Amino acid sequence: MKKIIHIDMDCFYAAVEMRDNPAYQHIPLAVGGDGARSVLCTCNYIARKYGVRSAMPAIQAKKLCPNLVIVNGRMEVYQQVSQQIRAIFARYTDIIEPLSLDEAYLDVSDSELFQGSATLIAEKIRADIFQTTRLTASAGVAPNKFLAKIASDENKPNGQYVITPEQVNDFVKNLPLRKIAGIGPKTAEKLAKFGFYTCADIRKSNIKLLQTIMGKFAFVLYQRSFGIDERALSVKRVRKSLAVEKTLAMDITDINGCLDVIAQLKIKLKSRLINVKELRISKQGIKLKFADFSQTTVEQKSDHCNEDAFIHLLHKALSRANGKAIRLIGLTLGFEALETNNTTKQLSLDL
């Protein structure tokens, strides 16, 4: 079963402005142009109490909330903060699908952190984000993307909602169809004419009838009504590294114990490396985290990956242990983009 986390920053642009200017913290605030024809990018939760929303014309927002302060956006700042947030995501998984500067899916299905608990991983990510940026994030945890995204909105702001596999049926059956991505106000109105308001209503129908109403989207709608979403995360960004690591059940101090763990990790690394395309290896490294939570990383240039190099790096890393026990071992590979020609060297793995 997949473990998907959807992280969504709380009123991101406005939150950055409130963080950087204390005068904005307790007033209705929006980000966007203040001209008559401008549209808001986002607004804080104080403004939302007046009915102000993102994508709303500024002139309409001012009518709803005369005291609304509208500031110009600072995209460079938002991008810098977004990079900080994505660096935090990368601590927990390398399977990340960014949706925007302030939103992303994370697949933590194979993570061994926190004994594999996606709930605890999401909590730690949110805590890390706040510690690093002083901004809050909400999270949804579920077996698939569809449910995780809906869940992240359940306890906003600065909240988290978990849908376990056992809870999927009960959660989905009474879900309003408007919650399903792809169903806007007009489509929801069209479905309502046929008596379809919730997922439970869709379940009672059949694909043929739905196709007459929804066309090709009918099958997706029918699947979503049962909480089914088999989409994998789309990792669009160029991968710069690949890492596997293991937190040990008991700390170890001897090299033989380390070698045993490396033997396990290289199998996992090999399986993940097969899926990496259009990249070539430029370096490899090893990470050790010690019992006192300090850590060290040793790397070397390499155009391929082999076990002997990891063992060599292990000896160098152990020389920095100063007698401290080891609680985590990780193997890393660094990549550089391949040139788009037939002479480019392909990935090789000598494990």
Foldseek 3Di string as FASTA:
>chain_A
DWKKKKKFFAQQQLQLVCVVDVVSVPFWEFEWDQDQAIFTQAIHPVLVVLVDGGRHGNVVSCVSPVRYDYHYTDVVVLQVLLVVLVVLLVVQAPQWFDPDSGIIMDTNCPTCPPPSDSVVVVVVSQVVSCVVRVTGMFMEIERDDQRGVLQSPPDPDRYYGYQYPVRQQVVQQFAFPCSGPPQHPVLCVQVVVVVHTGLVVLCVDDQVVQCVSPNPCSVVSVCVSRPDDPDGHDDPDQDFKDKDKDFDPDWAQDVVVVVVRVVVVVVVVVVVVVPHPQKWWFKKKKKWQFPVRDIDIDMDTDRADEDVVHSVRVVVRSVPCVRTTTGMMMMMTGIDGFDPDDVTDDYDYHD
